Amino acid sequence: MSRPVEFERATALAAALKLFWGRGYQATSLSDLVAAMGISRSSFYAAFGDKAALFRECLDLFAERSIGLLSRARAERPPLEALRSFFTFSLDQAEGEEGTWGCLIVNSVLELAEVDPDLWAHARLRLAEVEAAFEACLADTGCGPQKATDLASFLMLLNEGMRVSARRALPVAAQRHQIDTTFQLLATALA
């Protein structure tokens, strides 16, 4: 008979996500994970399988949160305002070192491109889902499907660039300026 799980899975997952986000996949050891998650190695393996499986789950959770943020904004605001709020949210929430962590998914695509093809592909898939959420929001503006696709691609470049800029500690004011410029261009393109 197996022992029951003796920890809150969601809490442990959140701790792992934070550790991976701040350090990256390769720099996070199994010992670091079990310590941060407050669980034993046997509980880790029973609940999450292995480090790669846990990392995939963290990527999924991060993507789900990102898309959820945009979905909630989309339900409450006009399309361009909803998209803008997606980009300003991380700047508004940036405090301490977490404000310089960028995006777990973007970081993972950069880190894992030549290291782990399976995890790299998983991160790319999650980014594609975020881009599809941008496209759906842009379609709400009434622009044609091709224009929504093209502008969503453009916004993904902004997203990726902003997340890398956060990692290099670009001042928040400079990032806000880039968001303002981008959304002026978008408004013109959609007029």
Protein backbone atom coordinates (compact mmCIF):
# COMPACT_ATOMS: atom_id res chain seq x y z
CA MET A 1 0.00 0.00 0.00
CA SER A 2 1.42 3.39 -0.98
CA ARG A 3 1.64 6.23 1.50
CA PRO A 4 -0.74 9.14 1.07
CA VAL A 5 0.64 12.42 -0.23
CA GLU A 6 1.45 14.58 2.78
CA PHE A 7 1.76 18.02 1.19
CA GLU A 8 -0.32 20.52 -0.73
CA ARG A 9 0.50 19.79 -4.37
CA ALA A 10 -0.47 23.25 -5.67
CA THR A 11 1.75 24.94 -3.10
CA ALA A 12 4.68 22.69 -3.95
CA LEU A 13 4.12 23.30 -7.68
CA ALA A 14 4.06 27.07 -7.13
CA ALA A 15 7.36 26.86 -5.24
CA ALA A 16 8.93 24.85 -8.06
CA LEU A 17 7.64 27.29 -10.68
CA LYS A 18 9.19 30.19 -8.78
CA LEU A 19 12.52 28.39 -8.48
CA PHE A 20 12.64 27.44 -12.18
CA TRP A 21 11.57 30.96 -13.16
CA GLY A 22 14.30 32.62 -11.15
CA ARG A 23 17.13 30.18 -11.87
CA GLY A 24 16.26 28.36 -15.06
CA TYR A 25 15.92 24.65 -15.68
CA GLN A 26 19.58 23.67 -15.76
CA ALA A 27 20.64 25.65 -12.69
CA THR A 28 17.87 24.14 -10.55
CA SER A 29 18.91 20.87 -8.96
CA LEU A 30 16.61 18.21 -7.59
CA SER A 31 17.94 19.04 -4.12
CA ASP A 32 16.99 22.70 -4.66
CA LEU A 33 13.52 21.64 -5.76
CA VAL A 34 12.68 19.34 -2.86
CA ALA A 35 13.99 21.93 -0.38
CA ALA A 36 11.94 24.76 -1.92
CA MET A 37 8.86 22.57 -2.28
CA GLY A 38 9.16 21.28 1.30
CA ILE A 39 8.83 17.64 0.28
CA SER A 40 10.93 14.49 0.35
CA ARG A 41 12.52 12.97 -2.73
CA SER A 42 10.15 10.02 -2.57
CA SER A 43 7.13 12.38 -2.46
CA PHE A 44 8.64 14.33 -5.33
CA TYR A 45 8.95 11.27 -7.53
CA ALA A 46 5.51 9.97 -6.54
CA ALA A 47 3.76 13.27 -7.23
CA PHE A 48 5.71 14.71 -10.17
CA GLY A 49 7.67 11.90 -11.80
CA ASP A 50 10.96 13.59 -12.53
CA LYS A 51 12.47 17.05 -12.94
CA ALA A 52 11.54 17.31 -16.63
CA ALA A 53 7.92 16.33 -16.01
CA LEU A 54 7.68 18.88 -13.20
CA PHE A 55 9.20 21.53 -15.46
CA ARG A 56 6.63 20.80 -18.19
CA GLU A 57 3.89 21.19 -15.60
CA CYS A 58 5.39 24.52 -14.49
CA LEU A 59 5.52 25.73 -18.11
CA ASP A 60 1.87 24.73 -18.52
CA LEU A 61 0.86 26.54 -15.34
CA PHE A 62 2.76 29.68 -16.35
CA ALA A 63 1.11 29.67 -19.79
CA GLU A 64 -2.30 29.07 -18.24
CA ARG A 65 -1.81 32.04 -15.92
CA SER A 66 -0.62 34.27 -18.78
CA ILE A 67 -3.51 33.36 -21.06
CA GLY A 68 -5.93 33.69 -18.13
CA LEU A 69 -4.66 37.20 -17.47
CA LEU A 70 -5.42 38.18 -21.06
CA SER A 71 -8.78 36.37 -21.04
CA ARG A 72 -9.92 38.24 -17.94
CA ALA A 73 -8.81 41.57 -19.40
CA ARG A 74 -10.55 40.71 -22.68
CA ALA A 75 -13.84 40.15 -20.84
CA GLU A 76 -13.60 43.54 -19.15
CA ARG A 77 -11.99 45.88 -21.71
CA PRO A 78 -11.86 46.71 -25.41
CA PRO A 79 -9.35 44.52 -27.31
CA LEU A 80 -6.38 46.91 -27.46
CA GLU A 81 -6.78 47.90 -23.82
CA ALA A 82 -6.91 44.21 -22.88
CA LEU A 83 -3.72 43.54 -24.81
CA ARG A 84 -1.99 46.58 -23.32
CA SER A 85 -2.93 45.40 -19.82
CA PHE A 86 -1.24 42.06 -20.56
CA PHE A 87 2.02 43.89 -21.22
CA THR A 88 1.76 46.38 -18.38
CA PHE A 89 0.71 43.81 -15.77
CA SER A 90 4.21 42.47 -15.23
CA LEU A 91 5.59 46.00 -14.98
CA ASP A 92 2.90 46.98 -12.48
CA GLN A 93 3.62 43.86 -10.41
CA ALA A 94 7.41 44.05 -10.67
CA GLU A 95 8.95 44.10 -7.23
CA GLY A 96 12.44 43.17 -6.19
CA GLU A 97 14.32 40.51 -8.07
CA GLU A 98 11.17 38.89 -9.51
CA GLY A 99 10.74 42.01 -11.63
CA THR A 100 13.90 41.04 -13.51
CA TRP A 101 13.01 37.40 -14.14
CA GLY A 102 11.23 37.97 -17.44
CA CYS A 103 8.97 35.14 -18.57
CA LEU A 104 9.54 31.52 -17.64
CA ILE A 105 8.48 30.38 -21.10
CA VAL A 106 10.63 32.84 -23.07
CA ASN A 107 13.57 32.15 -20.76
CA SER A 108 13.12 28.42 -21.34
CA VAL A 109 13.07 28.73 -25.13
CA LEU A 110 16.36 30.63 -24.92
CA GLU A 111 17.94 28.32 -22.37
CA LEU A 112 16.90 24.98 -23.81
CA ALA A 113 17.23 25.48 -27.57
CA GLU A 114 20.46 23.49 -27.80
CA VAL A 115 20.13 21.59 -24.53
CA ASP A 116 16.86 19.67 -24.40
CA PRO A 117 14.85 19.46 -27.62
CA ASP A 118 11.75 18.05 -25.93
CA LEU A 119 11.50 20.74 -23.26
CA TRP A 120 12.38 23.39 -25.85
CA ALA A 121 9.52 22.18 -28.06
CA HIS A 122 7.17 22.20 -25.08
CA ALA A 123 8.10 25.80 -24.25
CA ARG A 124 7.66 26.82 -27.90
CA LEU A 125 4.20 25.25 -27.91
CA ARG A 126 3.22 27.27 -24.82
CA LEU A 127 4.46 30.47 -26.52
CA ALA A 128 2.37 29.61 -29.56
CA GLU A 129 -0.69 29.37 -27.30
CA VAL A 130 0.01 32.84 -25.92
CA GLU A 131 0.38 34.17 -29.46
CA ALA A 132 -2.95 32.54 -30.40
CA ALA A 133 -4.54 34.38 -27.46
CA PHE A 134 -3.11 37.65 -28.84
CA GLU A 135 -4.57 36.77 -32.24
CA ALA A 136 -8.02 36.05 -30.80
CA CYS A 137 -7.99 39.37 -29.00
CA LEU A 138 -6.94 41.20 -32.17
CA ALA A 139 -9.72 39.46 -34.10
CA ASP A 140 -12.12 41.17 -31.67
CA THR A 141 -11.08 44.51 -33.20
CA GLY A 142 -12.78 43.50 -36.45
CA CYS A 143 -9.60 43.36 -38.50
CA GLY A 144 -9.31 40.51 -40.98
CA PRO A 145 -7.84 37.13 -40.03
CA GLN A 146 -4.51 37.71 -41.81
CA LYS A 147 -4.06 41.09 -40.17
CA ALA A 148 -4.85 39.57 -36.75
CA THR A 149 -2.22 36.88 -37.40
CA ASP A 150 0.40 39.39 -38.53
CA LEU A 151 -0.21 41.74 -35.61
CA ALA A 152 -0.20 38.86 -33.12
CA SER A 153 3.23 37.89 -34.46
CA PHE A 154 4.35 41.47 -34.01
CA LEU A 155 3.07 41.47 -30.41
CA MET A 156 4.87 38.20 -29.71
CA LEU A 157 8.11 39.89 -30.74
CA LEU A 158 7.33 42.68 -28.27
CA ASN A 159 6.51 40.09 -25.60
CA GLU A 160 9.74 38.19 -26.11
CA GLY A 161 11.81 41.38 -26.27
CA MET A 162 10.23 42.79 -23.12
CA ARG A 163 10.90 39.60 -21.19
CA VAL A 164 14.57 39.61 -22.23
CA SER A 165 14.74 43.33 -21.40
CA ALA A 166 13.43 42.55 -17.92
CA ARG A 167 16.23 39.99 -17.48
CA ARG A 168 18.79 42.65 -18.31
CA ALA A 169 17.09 45.04 -15.86
CA LEU A 170 16.01 47.63 -18.44
CA PRO A 171 14.30 50.41 -16.46
CA VAL A 172 10.53 50.08 -16.17
CA ALA A 173 10.08 53.56 -17.68
CA ALA A 174 11.91 52.47 -20.84
CA GLN A 175 9.76 49.34 -21.09
CA ARG A 176 6.58 51.40 -20.65
CA HIS A 177 7.74 53.71 -23.43
CA GLN A 178 8.12 50.73 -25.77
CA ILE A 179 4.63 49.51 -24.88
CA ASP A 180 3.22 52.99 -25.57
CA THR A 181 4.99 53.16 -28.93
CA THR A 182 3.82 49.67 -29.89
CA PHE A 183 0.21 50.40 -29.07
CA GLN A 184 0.30 53.70 -30.98
CA LEU A 185 1.51 51.72 -33.99
CA LEU A 186 -1.20 49.08 -33.44
CA ALA A 187 -3.93 51.70 -33.22
CA THR A 188 -2.70 53.21 -36.49
CA ALA A 189 -2.52 49.79 -38.16
CA LEU A 190 -6.07 48.99 -37.07
CA ALA A 191 -7.55 52.38 -38.05
